[in-house]
Amino acid sequence: MEKTATLNLRVNPSVKQRAEDVLSRLGIPMSTAIDMYLNQISLTGGIPFSISLPKAPQSLNMDVMSAEEIHNKLQEGYEDVKAGRVQDAASAFAKFRENH
């Protein structure tokens, strides 16, 4: 099928780079991946994957914690800050992305 339509869109540069890195390892050009995605939308009649919020681990999910457990977690965090056991958010998220 001939490709004649053009899409112009804005995306987060780091998200785009991470996707390009994966697609490059797979040998798939970004335009082909987007074409595949659009085809799947039309074939399935919707987004071709489940969309949901990530579930917090039970040990961090305030919806299932008692007031005492929440207080203890906050106290642990406070003690960590006082003791200097901290890291900046950029480093924390970088480590998270490496592991997921």
C-alpha atoms as a PDB file:
ATOM      1  CA  MET A   1       0.000   0.000   0.000  1.00  0.00           C
ATOM      2  CA  GLU A   2       1.351   3.412  -0.972  1.00  0.00           C
ATOM      3  CA  LYS A   3       2.190   5.790   1.859  1.00  0.00           C
ATOM      4  CA  THR A   4       1.142   9.331   0.988  1.00  0.00           C
ATOM      5  CA  ALA A   5      -0.251  10.845   4.227  1.00  0.00           C
ATOM      6  CA  THR A   6       1.990  12.855   6.536  1.00  0.00           C
ATOM      7  CA  LEU A   7       1.706  13.154  10.310  1.00  0.00           C
ATOM      8  CA  ASN A   8       3.218  16.069  12.195  1.00  0.00           C
ATOM      9  CA  LEU A   9       3.192  15.598  15.946  1.00  0.00           C
ATOM     10  CA  ARG A  10       5.006  16.683  19.071  1.00  0.00           C
ATOM     11  CA  VAL A  11       6.350  14.122  21.485  1.00  0.00           C
ATOM     12  CA  ASN A  12       8.556  14.120  24.553  1.00  0.00           C
ATOM     13  CA  PRO A  13      12.144  13.983  23.197  1.00  0.00           C
ATOM     14  CA  SER A  14      13.353  11.425  25.746  1.00  0.00           C
ATOM     15  CA  VAL A  15      10.362   9.144  25.102  1.00  0.00           C
ATOM     16  CA  LYS A  16      11.019   9.410  21.370  1.00  0.00           C
ATOM     17  CA  GLN A  17      14.706   8.581  21.850  1.00  0.00           C
ATOM     18  CA  ARG A  18      13.974   5.549  24.019  1.00  0.00           C
ATOM     19  CA  ALA A  19      11.455   4.290  21.440  1.00  0.00           C
ATOM     20  CA  GLU A  20      13.931   4.880  18.601  1.00  0.00           C
ATOM     21  CA  ASP A  21      16.583   2.917  20.509  1.00  0.00           C
ATOM     22  CA  VAL A  22      14.248  -0.077  20.873  1.00  0.00           C
ATOM     23  CA  LEU A  23      13.008   0.130  17.291  1.00  0.00           C
ATOM     24  CA  SER A  24      16.575   0.386  16.008  1.00  0.00           C
ATOM     25  CA  ARG A  25      17.487  -2.847  17.822  1.00  0.00           C
ATOM     26  CA  LEU A  26      14.422  -4.460  16.224  1.00  0.00           C
ATOM     27  CA  GLY A  27      15.335  -3.095  12.774  1.00  0.00           C
ATOM     28  CA  ILE A  28      12.019  -1.251  12.452  1.00  0.00           C
ATOM     29  CA  PRO A  29      11.897   2.395  11.293  1.00  0.00           C
ATOM     30  CA  MET A  30       9.757   4.730  13.431  1.00  0.00           C
ATOM     31  CA  SER A  31       7.416   5.378  10.505  1.00  0.00           C
ATOM     32  CA  THR A  32       6.790   1.639  10.106  1.00  0.00           C
ATOM     33  CA  ALA A  33       6.106   1.247  13.838  1.00  0.00           C
ATOM     34  CA  ILE A  34       3.600   4.107  13.745  1.00  0.00           C
ATOM     35  CA  ASP A  35       1.971   2.614  10.639  1.00  0.00           C
ATOM     36  CA  MET A  36       1.710  -0.741  12.465  1.00  0.00           C
ATOM     37  CA  TYR A  37       0.133   0.996  15.458  1.00  0.00           C
ATOM     38  CA  LEU A  38      -2.444   2.808  13.301  1.00  0.00           C
ATOM     39  CA  ASN A  39      -3.273  -0.450  11.486  1.00  0.00           C
ATOM     40  CA  GLN A  40      -3.839  -2.200  14.800  1.00  0.00           C
ATOM     41  CA  ILE A  41      -6.189   0.585  15.932  1.00  0.00           C
ATOM     42  CA  SER A  42      -8.308   0.103  12.817  1.00  0.00           C
ATOM     43  CA  LEU A  43      -8.210  -3.705  13.064  1.00  0.00           C
ATOM     44  CA  THR A  44      -9.118  -3.862  16.763  1.00  0.00           C
ATOM     45  CA  GLY A  45     -11.460  -0.881  16.851  1.00  0.00           C
ATOM     46  CA  GLY A  46      -9.525   0.737  19.679  1.00  0.00           C
ATOM     47  CA  ILE A  47      -6.168   1.103  21.341  1.00  0.00           C
ATOM     48  CA  PRO A  48      -4.414  -2.252  20.733  1.00  0.00           C
ATOM     49  CA  PHE A  49      -3.213  -2.684  24.320  1.00  0.00           C
ATOM     50  CA  SER A  50      -4.510  -2.340  27.834  1.00  0.00           C
ATOM     51  CA  ILE A  51      -4.321   1.138  29.338  1.00  0.00           C
ATOM     52  CA  SER A  52      -4.309   1.355  33.111  1.00  0.00           C
ATOM     53  CA  LEU A  53      -2.610   3.141  35.936  1.00  0.00           C
ATOM     54  CA  PRO A  54       0.325   1.266  37.429  1.00  0.00           C
ATOM     55  CA  LYS A  55      -0.496  -0.459  40.670  1.00  0.00           C
ATOM     56  CA  ALA A  56       1.471   0.688  43.692  1.00  0.00           C
ATOM     57  CA  PRO A  57       3.107  -2.077  45.697  1.00  0.00           C
ATOM     58  CA  GLN A  58       1.009  -2.962  48.753  1.00  0.00           C
ATOM     59  CA  SER A  59       3.818  -1.654  50.967  1.00  0.00           C
ATOM     60  CA  LEU A  60       3.339   1.831  49.429  1.00  0.00           C
ATOM     61  CA  ASN A  61      -0.387   1.846  48.646  1.00  0.00           C
ATOM     62  CA  MET A  62      -2.020   4.314  51.038  1.00  0.00           C
ATOM     63  CA  ASP A  63      -5.460   3.021  50.050  1.00  0.00           C
ATOM     64  CA  VAL A  64      -4.783  -0.223  51.942  1.00  0.00           C
ATOM     65  CA  MET A  65      -2.558   1.127  54.739  1.00  0.00           C
ATOM     66  CA  SER A  66      -3.670   1.996  58.246  1.00  0.00           C
ATOM     67  CA  ALA A  67      -3.025   5.470  59.653  1.00  0.00           C
ATOM     68  CA  GLU A  68      -0.244   3.973  61.767  1.00  0.00           C
ATOM     69  CA  GLU A  69       1.427   2.374  58.720  1.00  0.00           C
ATOM     70  CA  ILE A  70       1.267   5.680  56.835  1.00  0.00           C
ATOM     71  CA  HIS A  71       2.746   7.517  59.805  1.00  0.00           C
ATOM     72  CA  ASN A  72       5.565   4.932  60.056  1.00  0.00           C
ATOM     73  CA  LYS A  73       6.397   5.247  56.339  1.00  0.00           C
ATOM     74  CA  LEU A  74       6.501   9.034  56.609  1.00  0.00           C
ATOM     75  CA  GLN A  75       8.699   8.779  59.700  1.00  0.00           C
ATOM     76  CA  GLU A  76      11.091   6.421  57.869  1.00  0.00           C
ATOM     77  CA  GLY A  77      11.343   8.933  55.033  1.00  0.00           C
ATOM     78  CA  TYR A  78      11.971  11.773  57.438  1.00  0.00           C
ATOM     79  CA  GLU A  79      14.717   9.769  59.170  1.00  0.00           C
ATOM     80  CA  ASP A  80      16.301   8.971  55.780  1.00  0.00           C
ATOM     81  CA  VAL A  81      16.416  12.666  54.894  1.00  0.00           C
ATOM     82  CA  LYS A  82      17.935  13.575  58.272  1.00  0.00           C
ATOM     83  CA  ALA A  83      20.592  10.859  57.844  1.00  0.00           C
ATOM     84  CA  GLY A  84      21.411  11.969  54.279  1.00  0.00           C
ATOM     85  CA  ARG A  85      20.087   8.776  52.672  1.00  0.00           C
ATOM     86  CA  VAL A  86      18.662  10.592  49.660  1.00  0.00           C
ATOM     87  CA  GLN A  87      19.102  10.858  45.914  1.00  0.00           C
ATOM     88  CA  ASP A  88      17.877  13.385  43.395  1.00  0.00           C
ATOM     89  CA  ALA A  89      14.735  12.598  41.400  1.00  0.00           C
ATOM     90  CA  ALA A  90      16.554  12.462  38.036  1.00  0.00           C
ATOM     91  CA  SER A  91      18.845   9.693  39.305  1.00  0.00           C
ATOM     92  CA  ALA A  92      15.961   7.786  40.886  1.00  0.00           C
ATOM     93  CA  PHE A  93      13.920   7.854  37.679  1.00  0.00           C
ATOM     94  CA  ALA A  94      16.955   6.931  35.563  1.00  0.00           C
ATOM     95  CA  LYS A  95      17.508   3.834  37.722  1.00  0.00           C
ATOM     96  CA  PHE A  96      13.801   3.013  37.495  1.00  0.00           C
ATOM     97  CA  ARG A  97      13.859   3.226  33.673  1.00  0.00           C
ATOM     98  CA  GLU A  98      16.958   0.981  33.549  1.00  0.00           C
ATOM     99  CA  ASN A  99      15.119  -1.698  35.506  1.00  0.00           C
ATOM    100  CA  HIS A 100      11.804  -1.516  33.603  1.00  0.00           C
END
